[in-house]
């Protein structure tokens, strides 16, 4: 069961995003844009392609928004406790250097790179950030789909930008402004969202290529396992391997094993 922000707020945010998306899409067909002209001429390939891409972006939005971002569960802690008890019965020649931190809010033992989210009121594995746009955390499970969603959304916005511009034949008259006000406002909204999504996409691709997160990048001086590590990024395995593991790994990663290969010694 998903544990996230208050349901009412999440529903309002998702309804606003969906309504704005379909409202702008409808406006692009009501005004004399390239899509409208192609539709009137019976050339439906591009209009159908645009609507399909919009629908794909909305489906990705809801998947990323509603899925489990990687919540740390009680069952995982109990299994970890059993494994530690079994290890304790076997003589260890090399003592374990890493000690997992216990969350001060939900009292669960946090895996490395996990963080407690005040909005979701839960610890999230490989926590990146809490995104108010999707009203959900971005963590180990949904971060790859979040980047895919940003990529598809970027494609939609760039296409919509070109379509909206094709319908704006500027004329210095008040009558023209009255007839094209909604299309002009839609164009300005698309420009703003294009800039925001572009910045988000570029920053996340950079962070993913370095195998770091927004939280780690912004708060390195406050994170114990980074602050006490001699390496700048103990999880970086090279751009190609980082991207491959991020997009193609279908399982949760025990970051403690990768970290122990570095010089750090305490979580």
Protein backbone atom coordinates (compact mmCIF):
# COMPACT_ATOMS: atom_id res chain seq x y z
CA UNK A 1 0.00 0.00 0.00
CA UNK A 2 1.37 3.41 -0.95
CA UNK A 3 2.24 5.73 1.91
CA UNK A 4 2.50 9.25 0.55
CA UNK A 5 1.42 12.79 1.10
CA UNK A 6 -2.17 13.53 2.13
CA UNK A 7 -4.51 12.04 -0.46
CA UNK A 8 -6.53 15.23 -0.98
CA UNK A 9 -3.49 17.32 -1.89
CA UNK A 10 -2.14 14.61 -4.18
CA UNK A 11 -5.46 14.32 -6.01
CA UNK A 12 -5.63 18.08 -6.51
CA UNK A 13 -2.09 18.25 -7.92
CA UNK A 14 -2.69 15.34 -10.31
CA UNK A 15 -6.07 16.71 -11.40
CA UNK A 16 -4.52 20.15 -12.03
CA UNK A 17 -1.68 18.62 -14.08
CA UNK A 18 -4.06 16.48 -16.13
CA UNK A 19 -6.55 19.30 -16.68
CA UNK A 20 -3.84 21.76 -17.74
CA UNK A 21 -2.31 19.23 -20.13
CA UNK A 22 -5.56 18.34 -21.89
CA UNK A 23 -6.72 21.98 -21.82
CA UNK A 24 -3.63 23.17 -23.69
CA UNK A 25 -3.86 20.20 -26.06
CA UNK A 26 -7.47 21.05 -26.88
CA UNK A 27 -6.55 24.71 -27.42
CA UNK A 28 -3.92 23.72 -29.98
CA UNK A 29 -6.67 22.07 -32.03
CA UNK A 30 -9.19 24.91 -31.65
CA UNK A 31 -6.89 27.60 -33.04
CA UNK A 32 -5.53 27.67 -36.64
CA UNK A 33 -2.31 25.79 -35.85
CA UNK A 34 -0.48 23.25 -38.00
CA UNK A 35 -2.32 20.42 -36.22
CA UNK A 36 -5.70 22.03 -36.91
CA UNK A 37 -4.87 22.57 -40.58
CA UNK A 38 -3.66 18.97 -40.99
CA UNK A 39 -6.80 17.67 -39.31
CA UNK A 40 -9.02 19.71 -41.64
CA UNK A 41 -7.11 18.38 -44.66
CA UNK A 42 -7.59 14.78 -43.49
CA UNK A 43 -3.89 14.30 -42.68
CA UNK A 44 -4.33 12.62 -39.30
CA UNK A 45 -0.87 11.10 -38.79
CA UNK A 46 0.68 14.02 -36.91
CA UNK A 47 -2.46 14.99 -34.91
CA UNK A 48 -2.88 11.38 -33.76
CA UNK A 49 0.84 11.12 -33.02
CA UNK A 50 0.74 14.27 -30.90
CA UNK A 51 -2.31 13.11 -28.92
CA UNK A 52 -0.71 9.69 -28.41
CA UNK A 53 2.47 11.29 -27.07
CA UNK A 54 0.44 13.46 -24.70
CA UNK A 55 -1.46 10.39 -23.49
CA UNK A 56 1.84 8.53 -22.98
CA UNK A 57 3.22 11.39 -20.89
CA UNK A 58 0.10 11.45 -18.70
CA UNK A 59 0.23 7.67 -18.15
CA UNK A 60 3.91 7.92 -17.17
CA UNK A 61 3.06 10.81 -14.87
CA UNK A 62 0.47 8.75 -12.99
CA UNK A 63 2.72 5.68 -12.82
CA UNK A 64 5.62 7.67 -11.33
CA UNK A 65 3.26 9.59 -9.06
CA UNK A 66 1.43 6.58 -7.62
CA UNK A 67 4.11 3.88 -7.49
CA UNK A 68 6.24 2.94 -4.49
CA UNK A 69 9.46 5.00 -4.75
CA UNK A 70 11.35 2.49 -2.60
CA UNK A 71 9.90 2.69 0.91
CA UNK A 72 11.91 0.95 3.62
CA UNK A 73 9.57 -1.68 5.08
CA UNK A 74 9.45 -3.33 8.49
CA UNK A 75 9.75 -6.78 6.89
CA UNK A 76 13.09 -5.83 5.34
CA UNK A 77 14.44 -4.80 8.73
CA UNK A 78 13.29 -8.09 10.30
CA UNK A 79 14.99 -10.11 7.55
CA UNK A 80 18.15 -8.06 8.01
CA UNK A 81 18.02 -8.78 11.73
CA UNK A 82 17.80 -12.53 11.06
CA UNK A 83 20.80 -12.37 8.72
CA UNK A 84 22.83 -10.44 11.31
CA UNK A 85 21.93 -12.99 13.98
CA UNK A 86 23.05 -15.83 11.70
CA UNK A 87 26.32 -14.02 10.95
CA UNK A 88 26.91 -13.49 14.67
CA UNK A 89 26.88 -17.28 15.19
CA UNK A 90 29.73 -17.67 12.68
CA UNK A 91 33.25 -16.49 13.70
CA UNK A 92 34.20 -13.46 11.66
CA UNK A 93 37.87 -12.80 10.97
CA UNK A 94 37.20 -9.31 9.67
CA UNK A 95 34.71 -7.26 11.75
CA UNK A 96 31.97 -5.47 9.88
CA UNK A 97 32.89 -1.78 9.61
CA UNK A 98 29.57 -0.43 8.40
CA UNK A 99 26.80 0.33 10.88
CA UNK A 100 23.35 1.14 9.56
CA UNK A 101 21.68 4.23 11.01
CA UNK A 102 18.30 4.01 12.71
CA UNK A 103 15.76 6.60 11.63
CA UNK A 104 14.80 9.01 14.38
CA UNK A 105 11.24 9.37 13.02
CA UNK A 106 9.96 5.89 12.11
CA UNK A 107 12.69 3.99 14.06
CA UNK A 108 13.49 1.72 11.10
CA UNK A 109 17.07 0.75 10.31
CA UNK A 110 17.92 2.70 7.16
CA UNK A 111 19.86 1.11 4.27
CA UNK A 112 22.71 3.25 2.99
CA UNK A 113 21.55 6.20 0.83
CA UNK A 114 18.06 6.09 2.37
CA UNK A 115 16.46 9.17 3.92
CA UNK A 116 13.29 9.91 5.84
CA UNK A 117 10.85 12.11 3.89
CA UNK A 118 8.81 14.46 6.05
CA UNK A 119 6.10 14.80 3.36
CA UNK A 120 5.64 11.06 2.82
CA UNK A 121 6.41 10.26 6.47
CA UNK A 122 8.51 7.28 5.47
CA UNK A 123 12.12 6.33 4.76
CA UNK A 124 12.93 6.03 1.04
CA UNK A 125 15.74 3.95 -0.47
CA UNK A 126 18.31 5.90 -2.53
CA UNK A 127 16.33 9.05 -1.79
CA UNK A 128 16.64 11.74 -4.46
CA UNK A 129 14.01 14.34 -3.55
CA UNK A 130 10.33 14.83 -2.84
CA UNK A 131 8.75 16.20 -6.00
CA UNK A 132 5.69 18.44 -5.44
CA UNK A 133 4.89 18.11 -9.17
CA UNK A 134 4.07 14.41 -8.79
CA UNK A 135 3.30 14.57 -5.02
CA UNK A 136 5.59 11.63 -4.41
CA UNK A 137 9.19 10.94 -3.54
CA UNK A 138 11.71 10.11 -6.23
CA UNK A 139 13.66 7.10 -4.99
CA UNK A 140 15.32 3.89 -6.07
CA UNK A 141 12.23 2.26 -7.57
CA UNK A 142 10.70 5.13 -9.55
CA UNK A 143 13.75 7.30 -10.36
CA UNK A 144 14.42 5.62 -13.75
CA UNK A 145 10.78 6.05 -14.79
CA UNK A 146 10.90 9.65 -13.56
CA UNK A 147 13.76 10.37 -15.99
CA UNK A 148 11.86 8.59 -18.79
CA UNK A 149 8.79 10.68 -17.97
CA UNK A 150 10.83 13.90 -18.13
CA UNK A 151 12.19 12.84 -21.53
CA UNK A 152 8.72 12.15 -22.95
CA UNK A 153 7.36 15.35 -21.41
CA UNK A 154 10.22 17.28 -23.00
CA UNK A 155 9.26 15.87 -26.40
CA UNK A 156 5.61 16.85 -25.86
CA UNK A 157 6.51 20.40 -24.82
CA UNK A 158 8.88 21.02 -27.73
CA UNK A 159 6.28 19.75 -30.17
CA UNK A 160 3.55 21.82 -28.51
CA UNK A 161 5.81 24.88 -28.62
CA UNK A 162 6.21 24.53 -32.38
CA UNK A 163 2.49 23.94 -32.88
CA UNK A 164 1.46 26.94 -30.73
CA UNK A 165 3.92 29.20 -32.55
CA UNK A 166 2.46 28.13 -35.92
CA UNK A 167 -0.90 29.57 -34.87
CA UNK A 168 0.44 32.93 -33.71
CA UNK A 169 0.37 35.35 -36.67
CA UNK A 170 1.06 38.53 -34.73
CA UNK A 171 -0.90 41.66 -35.62
CA UNK A 172 -0.68 44.99 -33.71
CA UNK A 173 -4.40 45.23 -32.89
CA UNK A 174 -6.59 44.79 -29.84
CA UNK A 175 -9.00 42.60 -31.84
CA UNK A 176 -6.23 40.15 -32.69
CA UNK A 177 -5.22 39.93 -29.01
CA UNK A 178 -8.82 39.24 -27.98
CA UNK A 179 -9.13 36.37 -30.46
CA UNK A 180 -5.72 34.85 -29.70
CA UNK A 181 -5.35 35.53 -25.98
CA UNK A 182 -5.78 31.90 -24.87
CA UNK A 183 -3.33 30.64 -27.50
CA UNK A 184 -0.80 33.28 -26.46
CA UNK A 185 -1.20 32.33 -22.78
CA UNK A 186 -0.83 28.65 -23.69
CA UNK A 187 2.37 29.47 -25.58
CA UNK A 188 3.81 31.31 -22.56
CA UNK A 189 2.87 28.43 -20.20
CA UNK A 190 4.52 25.95 -22.56
CA UNK A 191 7.69 28.08 -22.64
CA UNK A 192 7.88 28.15 -18.83
CA UNK A 193 7.32 24.39 -18.49
CA UNK A 194 9.82 23.70 -21.26
CA UNK A 195 12.55 25.59 -19.40
CA UNK A 196 11.72 23.85 -16.10
CA UNK A 197 11.59 20.34 -17.59
CA UNK A 198 14.79 20.94 -19.59
CA UNK A 199 16.67 21.99 -16.44
CA UNK A 200 15.30 19.01 -14.52
CA UNK A 201 16.15 16.54 -17.28
CA UNK A 202 19.71 17.82 -17.78
CA UNK A 203 20.43 17.88 -14.03
CA UNK A 204 19.06 14.38 -13.46
CA UNK A 205 20.95 12.91 -16.41
CA UNK A 206 24.14 14.46 -15.02
CA UNK A 207 23.50 13.10 -11.51
CA UNK A 208 22.60 9.66 -12.85
CA UNK A 209 25.77 9.54 -14.95
CA UNK A 210 27.75 10.20 -11.73
CA UNK A 211 25.64 7.75 -9.67
CA UNK A 212 24.67 10.39 -7.15
CA UNK A 213 21.35 11.89 -6.06
CA UNK A 214 20.00 15.41 -5.65
CA UNK A 215 20.04 14.97 -1.87
CA UNK A 216 23.65 13.74 -1.86
CA UNK A 217 24.76 16.46 -4.28
CA UNK A 218 23.15 19.27 -2.28
CA UNK A 219 23.85 17.98 1.25
CA UNK A 220 27.19 16.17 1.04
CA UNK A 221 28.57 18.09 4.02
CA UNK A 222 25.71 16.81 6.22
CA UNK A 223 25.64 13.14 5.13
CA UNK A 224 27.84 10.99 7.36
CA UNK A 225 28.76 8.28 4.81
CA UNK A 226 29.93 10.95 2.34
CA UNK A 227 31.42 13.38 4.84
CA UNK A 228 33.65 10.68 6.32
CA UNK A 229 34.63 9.12 3.00
CA UNK A 230 37.92 10.12 1.37
CA UNK A 231 36.49 9.58 -2.11
CA UNK A 232 34.30 12.34 -3.51
CA UNK A 233 31.72 9.78 -4.68
CA UNK A 234 32.20 6.19 -3.47
CA UNK A 235 29.36 4.92 -5.70
CA UNK A 236 30.68 6.20 -9.05
CA UNK A 237 31.59 3.29 -11.37
CA UNK A 238 32.01 5.26 -14.59
CA UNK A 239 29.40 6.88 -16.83
CA UNK A 240 28.51 3.82 -18.93
CA UNK A 241 28.21 1.45 -15.98
CA UNK A 242 26.28 4.01 -13.92
CA UNK A 243 23.74 4.55 -16.71
CA UNK A 244 23.45 0.81 -17.39
CA UNK A 245 22.78 -0.05 -13.75
CA UNK A 246 20.37 2.86 -13.31
CA UNK A 247 18.14 2.10 -16.30
CA UNK A 248 18.57 -1.67 -16.66
CA UNK A 249 18.93 -3.03 -13.10
CA UNK A 250 15.64 -4.65 -12.09
CA UNK A 251 16.47 -5.12 -8.42
CA UNK A 252 17.29 -3.06 -5.35
CA UNK A 253 21.00 -2.51 -4.77
CA UNK A 254 22.88 -3.13 -1.51
CA UNK A 255 24.91 0.09 -1.61
CA UNK A 256 26.83 -0.96 1.51
CA UNK A 257 28.68 -3.58 -0.55
CA UNK A 258 29.79 -1.00 -3.12
CA UNK A 259 30.67 1.55 -0.45
CA UNK A 260 32.80 -0.91 1.51
CA UNK A 261 35.17 -1.10 -1.46
CA UNK A 262 36.05 2.55 -0.84
CA UNK A 263 37.75 4.23 2.10
CA UNK A 264 34.66 5.08 4.13
CA UNK A 265 34.00 3.23 7.36
CA UNK A 266 30.85 4.56 9.00
CA UNK A 267 27.29 5.09 7.84
